[in-house]
Every structure is written in structure tokens, then in C-alpha cells.
Amino acid sequence: MAIADEVQRIGAPVRRWVRTQEREYTRGEPRPLAGDLGAMGVYLGLVSTAAAAVRASGRELPDRIPPGDAVLLAIATFRLARRIAKDPVTAPLRAPFTAFQGPSGHAEVAEEVREHGGVKHAVGELLTCPFCLAQWVATGLVFGYVAAPRATRLAAFTMTLVAGSDVLQFVYDAIQNGALAPSPPEAAGADAGPGDDAGRHAEQD
């Protein structure tokens, strides 16, 4: 009992400091600092576990990653992070933490976090932010590349093909909407050159 009391006594200043920092940072806004801290802890835990698994397997880390594989993984990270965060098909993953707001761009949806100031807020912000998810996706792809390079390269190639297809879809839509159509001619007077002005002056004379 005395040990518990001593722990409470020692921890009291730390808890007061944490509450003060939270109050001064949030300024009354419901920010999920504890949830964000928990997310960082989960991330570090997953990275540590994956690193330990790679070490136990006896696999060696590559001295370098070929530029082609780096580009492949980068494009796959972009496409997969955006698919998780914005795609209508992946909405069931986000539904427990977000609320649907409406369509957003081509084949994407807009959502906002359902609760504010807690763990669900932190998870909702993570799942709706492709920039935030990219860290997690890239980490998973890198460890996959180390543990199973062929399978990871194939999965990354698939997502890269999807990203390329997206670009072609945008180009096709732009063409369908007249992006390549010639611009309408200017007014006749605006197109008149110096020779036309000389002709008019001659007629007036």
C-alpha cells in the first residue's frame, strides 16, 4: 500500500504537467493527443515486432534498394494510402470512426471523424488522411520487401498499374470534356494585324 501511495505521489507532478501541456496546446479544441500518442506507440510496437521477426528469420537488410523498386514502392504507397483513406469500397474500414459527408473528386468520398477528443478521433483522422496513412503503408511495404521481395514487388506493381490507370482515366475524361478542342476564335477586330490597319487607313483617305 505504501508503494502505491509513493507511486501516486511521484506521478502527481507528471500528470499535472501533462494536463497543463494539453490545455495550453488544445486551447479548448477537442484534440486527441492521448489517442495520437497511442497510435505512435502502436506504430513503434509494430515496427519493433517486424524488425525482430526479420532478425530472427536470418534475412539480411539490403545494402540499397534499386531505383526501379524505390519508384515502384513509392507509387504503390501513394495509391494504397489513398485507396484506404478515400475509396468508397474501403468505407466499411472507416465507418466505425467516421461519418459520410458526400462525394469528393473522382470515385472518392469526403468524411469527418465521428467523435472528438478520444481514441476514435485519432483513428478516424488517421484513416481519412492519405498523408498520414502513407507512413504506415510505406513501412509495411518496406518490411514486406525485406521479408518477401518478389511477392511485395508484385503487389506494388499491381497498385502502380492502378495508379497509372487512374492517370489515363483523368486524361480520357479531359479529352471527353473538350480539353483538346480548338479554342474559339477571337473577335474579328482583335485579330486584325498591322496590314489590316493600313488598309483601313487607305480606305479612309
Protein backbone atom coordinates (compact mmCIF):
# COMPACT_ATOMS: atom_id res chain seq x y z
CA MET A 1 0.00 0.00 0.00
CA ALA A 2 2.86 2.34 0.84
CA ILE A 3 4.45 1.62 -2.54
CA ALA A 4 1.22 2.52 -4.35
CA ASP A 5 0.97 5.76 -2.39
CA GLU A 6 4.57 6.59 -3.24
CA VAL A 7 3.94 5.96 -6.93
CA GLN A 8 0.89 8.23 -6.79
CA ARG A 9 2.92 10.94 -5.07
CA ILE A 10 5.76 10.77 -7.58
CA GLY A 11 3.40 10.64 -10.56
CA ALA A 12 1.23 13.58 -9.49
CA PRO A 13 3.59 16.30 -10.83
CA VAL A 14 3.90 14.44 -14.13
CA ARG A 15 0.13 14.22 -14.50
CA ARG A 16 -0.23 17.92 -13.71
CA TRP A 17 2.43 18.76 -16.31
CA VAL A 18 0.68 16.62 -18.92
CA ARG A 19 -2.70 18.26 -18.24
CA THR A 20 -1.11 21.71 -18.45
CA GLN A 21 0.55 20.97 -21.79
CA GLU A 22 -2.67 19.53 -23.19
CA ARG A 23 -4.69 22.54 -22.06
CA GLU A 24 -2.21 25.04 -23.48
CA TYR A 25 -1.89 23.17 -26.78
CA THR A 26 -5.57 22.45 -27.49
CA ARG A 27 -6.90 25.87 -26.34
CA GLY A 28 -10.27 24.28 -25.73
CA GLU A 29 -10.40 22.35 -29.00
CA PRO A 30 -11.11 18.58 -28.70
CA ARG A 31 -7.75 17.28 -29.92
CA PRO A 32 -6.97 13.54 -29.44
CA LEU A 33 -3.46 13.88 -28.01
CA ALA A 34 -3.73 10.71 -25.94
CA GLY A 35 -5.06 8.81 -28.95
CA ASP A 36 -2.25 10.15 -31.15
CA LEU A 37 0.27 9.08 -28.53
CA GLY A 38 -1.32 5.64 -28.51
CA ALA A 39 -1.12 5.45 -32.31
CA MET A 40 2.58 6.26 -32.17
CA GLY A 41 3.02 3.56 -29.57
CA VAL A 42 1.23 1.01 -31.77
CA TYR A 43 3.36 2.02 -34.74
CA LEU A 44 6.60 1.67 -32.79
CA GLY A 45 5.41 -1.66 -31.42
CA LEU A 46 4.64 -3.00 -34.90
CA VAL A 47 7.95 -1.79 -36.27
CA SER A 48 9.86 -3.37 -33.37
CA THR A 49 7.99 -6.66 -33.82
CA ALA A 50 8.61 -6.69 -37.57
CA ALA A 51 12.29 -5.88 -37.09
CA ALA A 52 12.63 -8.69 -34.55
CA ALA A 53 10.90 -11.10 -36.94
CA VAL A 54 13.26 -10.15 -39.77
CA ARG A 55 16.27 -10.60 -37.50
CA ALA A 56 15.00 -13.97 -36.27
CA SER A 57 14.49 -15.16 -39.83
CA GLY A 58 18.14 -14.59 -40.58
CA ARG A 59 17.42 -12.31 -43.53
CA GLU A 60 19.88 -9.53 -44.16
CA LEU A 61 18.81 -5.99 -44.90
CA PRO A 62 19.63 -4.88 -48.43
CA ASP A 63 22.58 -2.54 -48.79
CA ARG A 64 20.49 -0.45 -51.16
CA ILE A 65 17.17 -0.62 -52.99
CA PRO A 66 17.32 -0.39 -56.79
CA PRO A 67 15.86 2.88 -58.11
CA GLY A 68 13.19 1.00 -60.06
CA ASP A 69 11.97 -0.77 -56.91
CA ALA A 70 12.03 2.50 -54.97
CA VAL A 71 9.81 4.17 -57.57
CA LEU A 72 7.53 1.14 -57.61
CA LEU A 73 7.13 1.20 -53.83
CA ALA A 74 6.60 4.97 -53.78
CA ILE A 75 3.78 4.85 -56.34
CA ALA A 76 2.24 1.84 -54.61
CA THR A 77 2.37 3.68 -51.27
CA PHE A 78 0.57 6.67 -52.76
CA ARG A 79 -2.14 4.57 -54.41
CA LEU A 80 -2.74 2.22 -51.48
CA ALA A 81 -2.81 5.01 -48.88
CA ARG A 82 -5.34 6.92 -50.94
CA ARG A 83 -7.43 3.81 -51.52
CA ILE A 84 -7.67 3.17 -47.78
CA ALA A 85 -8.42 6.80 -46.93
CA LYS A 86 -10.74 7.91 -49.73
CA ASP A 87 -12.12 4.97 -51.69
CA PRO A 88 -15.87 4.18 -51.33
CA VAL A 89 -15.09 0.45 -51.33
CA THR A 90 -12.95 0.79 -48.17
CA ALA A 91 -15.63 2.82 -46.35
CA PRO A 92 -16.50 -0.14 -44.06
CA LEU A 93 -13.00 0.13 -42.59
CA ARG A 94 -13.58 3.78 -41.74
CA ALA A 95 -17.27 3.60 -40.84
CA PRO A 96 -16.80 2.90 -37.09
CA PHE A 97 -14.76 6.10 -36.77
CA THR A 98 -16.12 8.50 -39.41
CA ALA A 99 -19.33 9.92 -40.85
CA PHE A 100 -20.05 10.24 -44.57
CA GLN A 101 -20.25 13.81 -45.88
CA GLY A 102 -20.57 13.37 -49.62
CA PRO A 103 -18.64 12.64 -52.80
CA SER A 104 -15.22 14.20 -53.22
CA GLY A 105 -13.46 14.16 -56.55
CA HIS A 106 -13.39 11.20 -58.89
CA ALA A 107 -14.51 7.97 -57.17
CA GLU A 108 -13.68 9.33 -53.71
CA VAL A 109 -15.72 10.31 -50.67
CA ALA A 110 -15.45 13.03 -48.05
CA GLU A 111 -15.80 12.01 -44.40
CA GLU A 112 -15.24 13.56 -40.99
CA VAL A 113 -14.39 11.99 -37.68
CA ARG A 114 -17.43 10.91 -35.72
CA GLU A 115 -16.14 11.59 -32.21
CA HIS A 116 -13.82 14.30 -30.98
CA GLY A 117 -11.10 14.21 -28.40
CA GLY A 118 -10.56 10.47 -27.91
CA VAL A 119 -9.03 7.35 -29.39
CA LYS A 120 -11.74 7.08 -32.05
CA HIS A 121 -10.92 10.65 -33.08
CA ALA A 122 -7.26 9.76 -33.54
CA VAL A 123 -8.07 6.61 -35.52
CA GLY A 124 -10.62 8.48 -37.64
CA GLU A 125 -8.11 11.19 -38.52
CA LEU A 126 -5.53 8.56 -39.42
CA LEU A 127 -7.91 6.58 -41.63
CA THR A 128 -9.14 9.65 -43.52
CA CYS A 129 -5.69 11.17 -44.12
CA PRO A 130 -3.74 9.63 -47.03
CA PHE A 131 -0.67 11.60 -45.99
CA CYS A 132 -0.78 10.07 -42.51
CA LEU A 133 -1.51 6.57 -43.79
CA ALA A 134 1.43 6.74 -46.19
CA GLN A 135 3.82 6.32 -43.23
CA TRP A 136 2.12 3.07 -42.21
CA VAL A 137 1.72 1.77 -45.75
CA ALA A 138 5.32 2.54 -46.69
CA THR A 139 6.59 0.82 -43.55
CA GLY A 140 4.56 -2.29 -44.33
CA LEU A 141 5.80 -2.36 -47.92
CA VAL A 142 9.42 -1.92 -46.85
CA PHE A 143 9.27 -4.79 -44.36
CA GLY A 144 7.42 -6.86 -46.94
CA TYR A 145 10.16 -6.06 -49.44
CA VAL A 146 12.79 -7.29 -46.99
CA ALA A 147 10.89 -10.45 -45.98
CA ALA A 148 9.34 -11.41 -49.33
CA PRO A 149 10.71 -9.18 -52.08
CA ARG A 150 9.09 -10.98 -55.01
CA ALA A 151 5.60 -11.01 -53.53
CA THR A 152 5.90 -7.41 -52.34
CA ARG A 153 7.23 -6.30 -55.70
CA LEU A 154 4.27 -7.96 -57.40
CA ALA A 155 1.76 -6.33 -55.02
CA ALA A 156 3.44 -2.95 -55.51
CA PHE A 157 3.38 -3.45 -59.27
CA THR A 158 -0.37 -4.08 -59.08
CA MET A 159 -1.00 -0.82 -57.21
CA THR A 160 1.31 1.03 -59.59
CA LEU A 161 -0.74 -0.24 -62.53
CA VAL A 162 -3.87 1.04 -60.77
CA ALA A 163 -2.24 4.46 -60.31
CA GLY A 164 -1.30 4.53 -64.00
CA SER A 165 -4.85 3.58 -64.92
CA ASP A 166 -6.14 6.45 -62.77
CA VAL A 167 -3.98 8.90 -64.73
CA LEU A 168 -5.30 7.53 -68.03
CA GLN A 169 -8.87 7.86 -66.73
CA PHE A 170 -8.28 11.53 -65.94
CA VAL A 171 -6.74 12.09 -69.37
CA TYR A 172 -9.68 10.36 -71.05
CA ASP A 173 -12.19 12.44 -69.07
CA ALA A 174 -10.34 15.62 -70.02
CA ILE A 175 -10.46 14.64 -73.70
CA GLN A 176 -14.17 13.82 -73.42
CA ASN A 177 -14.77 17.24 -71.87
CA GLY A 178 -13.08 19.00 -74.78
CA ALA A 179 -9.58 19.55 -73.47
CA LEU A 180 -8.17 19.01 -76.98
CA ALA A 181 -10.83 21.05 -78.77
CA PRO A 182 -9.52 24.20 -80.51
CA SER A 183 -10.11 27.40 -78.64
CA PRO A 184 -12.91 29.62 -80.04
CA PRO A 185 -11.70 32.34 -82.45
CA GLU A 186 -11.24 35.80 -81.08
CA ALA A 187 -13.35 38.71 -82.26
CA ALA A 188 -12.52 39.88 -85.79
CA GLY A 189 -11.27 43.23 -84.59
CA ALA A 190 -8.95 41.64 -82.06
CA ASP A 191 -7.31 39.52 -84.77
CA ALA A 192 -6.62 42.47 -87.07
CA GLY A 193 -2.92 42.87 -87.73
CA PRO A 194 -0.85 45.88 -88.85
CA GLY A 195 -1.72 45.21 -92.51
CA ASP A 196 -5.44 45.44 -91.75
CA ASP A 197 -4.94 48.80 -90.03
CA ALA A 198 -3.07 50.09 -93.11
CA GLY A 199 -5.92 49.01 -95.38
CA ARG A 200 -8.48 50.81 -93.26
CA HIS A 201 -6.42 53.99 -93.32
CA ALA A 202 -6.16 53.76 -97.12
CA GLU A 203 -9.92 53.47 -97.46
CA GLN A 204 -10.44 56.49 -95.25
CA ASP A 205 -8.03 58.53 -97.39
